[in-house]
Amino acid sequence: MKSLNLLFAFLGGAAVGATLGLLFAPEKGEDTRKRIAEMLEEKGIKLNKSEMDKLIDDITAKIRGKVKHIEDTSDL
């Protein structure tokens, strides 16, 4: 059971790391938002600037919550 928890922690960390890498990459925020908007449009989702800003804020809040939860429950 502990190895399963370790696997979930690893996968969760990888997902959080990938998302944080995208959001905090050395690109300008405007360029990052444009790339995200283009990826969403390819999937058939179109957002205006305020909707995009809200989406980014929601994602950031969720990531921060997950990171805090991992830190709080980590035995390391």
C-alpha atoms as a PDB file:
ATOM      1  CA  MET A   1       0.000   0.000   0.000  1.00  0.00           C
ATOM      2  CA  LYS A   2       2.881   2.361   0.772  1.00  0.00           C
ATOM      3  CA  SER A   3       4.331   1.836  -2.721  1.00  0.00           C
ATOM      4  CA  LEU A   4       0.958   2.796  -4.216  1.00  0.00           C
ATOM      5  CA  ASN A   5       0.984   6.019  -2.187  1.00  0.00           C
ATOM      6  CA  LEU A   6       4.526   6.672  -3.359  1.00  0.00           C
ATOM      7  CA  LEU A   7       3.433   6.186  -6.962  1.00  0.00           C
ATOM      8  CA  PHE A   8       0.525   8.613  -6.535  1.00  0.00           C
ATOM      9  CA  ALA A   9       2.830  11.146  -4.865  1.00  0.00           C
ATOM     10  CA  PHE A  10       5.299  10.830  -7.736  1.00  0.00           C
ATOM     11  CA  LEU A  11       2.617  11.222 -10.407  1.00  0.00           C
ATOM     12  CA  GLY A  12       1.050  14.133  -8.545  1.00  0.00           C
ATOM     13  CA  GLY A  13       4.440  15.788  -8.212  1.00  0.00           C
ATOM     14  CA  ALA A  14       5.139  15.294 -11.905  1.00  0.00           C
ATOM     15  CA  ALA A  15       1.804  16.877 -12.851  1.00  0.00           C
ATOM     16  CA  VAL A  16       2.326  19.793 -10.478  1.00  0.00           C
ATOM     17  CA  GLY A  17       5.885  20.267 -11.735  1.00  0.00           C
ATOM     18  CA  ALA A  18       4.823  20.285 -15.375  1.00  0.00           C
ATOM     19  CA  THR A  19       2.067  22.791 -14.700  1.00  0.00           C
ATOM     20  CA  LEU A  20       4.301  25.045 -12.612  1.00  0.00           C
ATOM     21  CA  GLY A  21       6.980  24.834 -15.274  1.00  0.00           C
ATOM     22  CA  LEU A  22       4.516  26.042 -17.856  1.00  0.00           C
ATOM     23  CA  LEU A  23       3.126  28.821 -15.672  1.00  0.00           C
ATOM     24  CA  PHE A  24       6.440  30.070 -14.314  1.00  0.00           C
ATOM     25  CA  ALA A  25       8.627  29.553 -17.364  1.00  0.00           C
ATOM     26  CA  PRO A  26      10.935  32.414 -18.302  1.00  0.00           C
ATOM     27  CA  GLU A  27       8.506  33.534 -20.995  1.00  0.00           C
ATOM     28  CA  LYS A  28       6.447  36.639 -20.505  1.00  0.00           C
ATOM     29  CA  GLY A  29       3.049  35.913 -18.990  1.00  0.00           C
ATOM     30  CA  GLU A  30       1.361  37.266 -22.088  1.00  0.00           C
ATOM     31  CA  ASP A  31       3.214  34.746 -24.274  1.00  0.00           C
ATOM     32  CA  THR A  32       2.380  31.879 -21.912  1.00  0.00           C
ATOM     33  CA  ARG A  33      -1.300  32.826 -21.877  1.00  0.00           C
ATOM     34  CA  LYS A  34      -1.268  33.006 -25.672  1.00  0.00           C
ATOM     35  CA  ARG A  35       0.217  29.489 -25.874  1.00  0.00           C
ATOM     36  CA  ILE A  36      -2.392  28.171 -23.440  1.00  0.00           C
ATOM     37  CA  ALA A  37      -5.164  29.863 -25.431  1.00  0.00           C
ATOM     38  CA  GLU A  38      -3.845  28.310 -28.659  1.00  0.00           C
ATOM     39  CA  MET A  39      -3.762  24.838 -27.067  1.00  0.00           C
ATOM     40  CA  LEU A  40      -7.332  25.274 -25.820  1.00  0.00           C
ATOM     41  CA  GLU A  41      -8.526  26.530 -29.216  1.00  0.00           C
ATOM     42  CA  GLU A  42      -7.068  23.392 -30.817  1.00  0.00           C
ATOM     43  CA  LYS A  43      -9.384  21.457 -28.484  1.00  0.00           C
ATOM     44  CA  GLY A  44     -12.350  23.628 -29.500  1.00  0.00           C
ATOM     45  CA  ILE A  45     -12.343  25.827 -26.388  1.00  0.00           C
ATOM     46  CA  LYS A  46     -12.214  29.585 -26.920  1.00  0.00           C
ATOM     47  CA  LEU A  47     -11.673  31.992 -24.012  1.00  0.00           C
ATOM     48  CA  ASN A  48     -11.443  35.761 -23.861  1.00  0.00           C
ATOM     49  CA  LYS A  49      -8.765  37.524 -21.766  1.00  0.00           C
ATOM     50  CA  SER A  50     -10.805  37.729 -18.552  1.00  0.00           C
ATOM     51  CA  GLU A  51     -11.831  34.065 -18.825  1.00  0.00           C
ATOM     52  CA  MET A  52      -8.207  33.098 -19.433  1.00  0.00           C
ATOM     53  CA  ASP A  53      -7.061  35.103 -16.399  1.00  0.00           C
ATOM     54  CA  LYS A  54      -9.700  33.397 -14.238  1.00  0.00           C
ATOM     55  CA  LEU A  55      -8.650  29.979 -15.535  1.00  0.00           C
ATOM     56  CA  ILE A  56      -4.991  30.709 -14.717  1.00  0.00           C
ATOM     57  CA  ASP A  57      -5.955  31.917 -11.229  1.00  0.00           C
ATOM     58  CA  ASP A  58      -8.054  28.777 -10.643  1.00  0.00           C
ATOM     59  CA  ILE A  59      -5.267  26.470 -11.808  1.00  0.00           C
ATOM     60  CA  THR A  60      -2.696  28.285  -9.671  1.00  0.00           C
ATOM     61  CA  ALA A  61      -4.924  28.057  -6.587  1.00  0.00           C
ATOM     62  CA  LYS A  62      -5.498  24.337  -7.133  1.00  0.00           C
ATOM     63  CA  ILE A  63      -1.778  23.703  -7.587  1.00  0.00           C
ATOM     64  CA  ARG A  64      -0.944  25.642  -4.437  1.00  0.00           C
ATOM     65  CA  GLY A  65      -3.568  23.628  -2.537  1.00  0.00           C
ATOM     66  CA  LYS A  66      -2.151  20.327  -3.821  1.00  0.00           C
ATOM     67  CA  VAL A  67       1.418  21.355  -2.986  1.00  0.00           C
ATOM     68  CA  LYS A  68       0.347  22.379   0.525  1.00  0.00           C
ATOM     69  CA  HIS A  69      -1.494  19.071   0.971  1.00  0.00           C
ATOM     70  CA  ILE A  70       1.574  17.106  -0.177  1.00  0.00           C
ATOM     71  CA  GLU A  71       3.807  19.109   2.152  1.00  0.00           C
ATOM     72  CA  ASP A  72       1.421  18.590   5.067  1.00  0.00           C
ATOM     73  CA  THR A  73       1.108  14.838   4.529  1.00  0.00           C
ATOM     74  CA  SER A  74       4.710  14.118   3.558  1.00  0.00           C
ATOM     75  CA  ASP A  75       6.740  11.969   5.924  1.00  0.00           C
ATOM     76  CA  LEU A  76      10.025  13.090   4.368  1.00  0.00           C
END
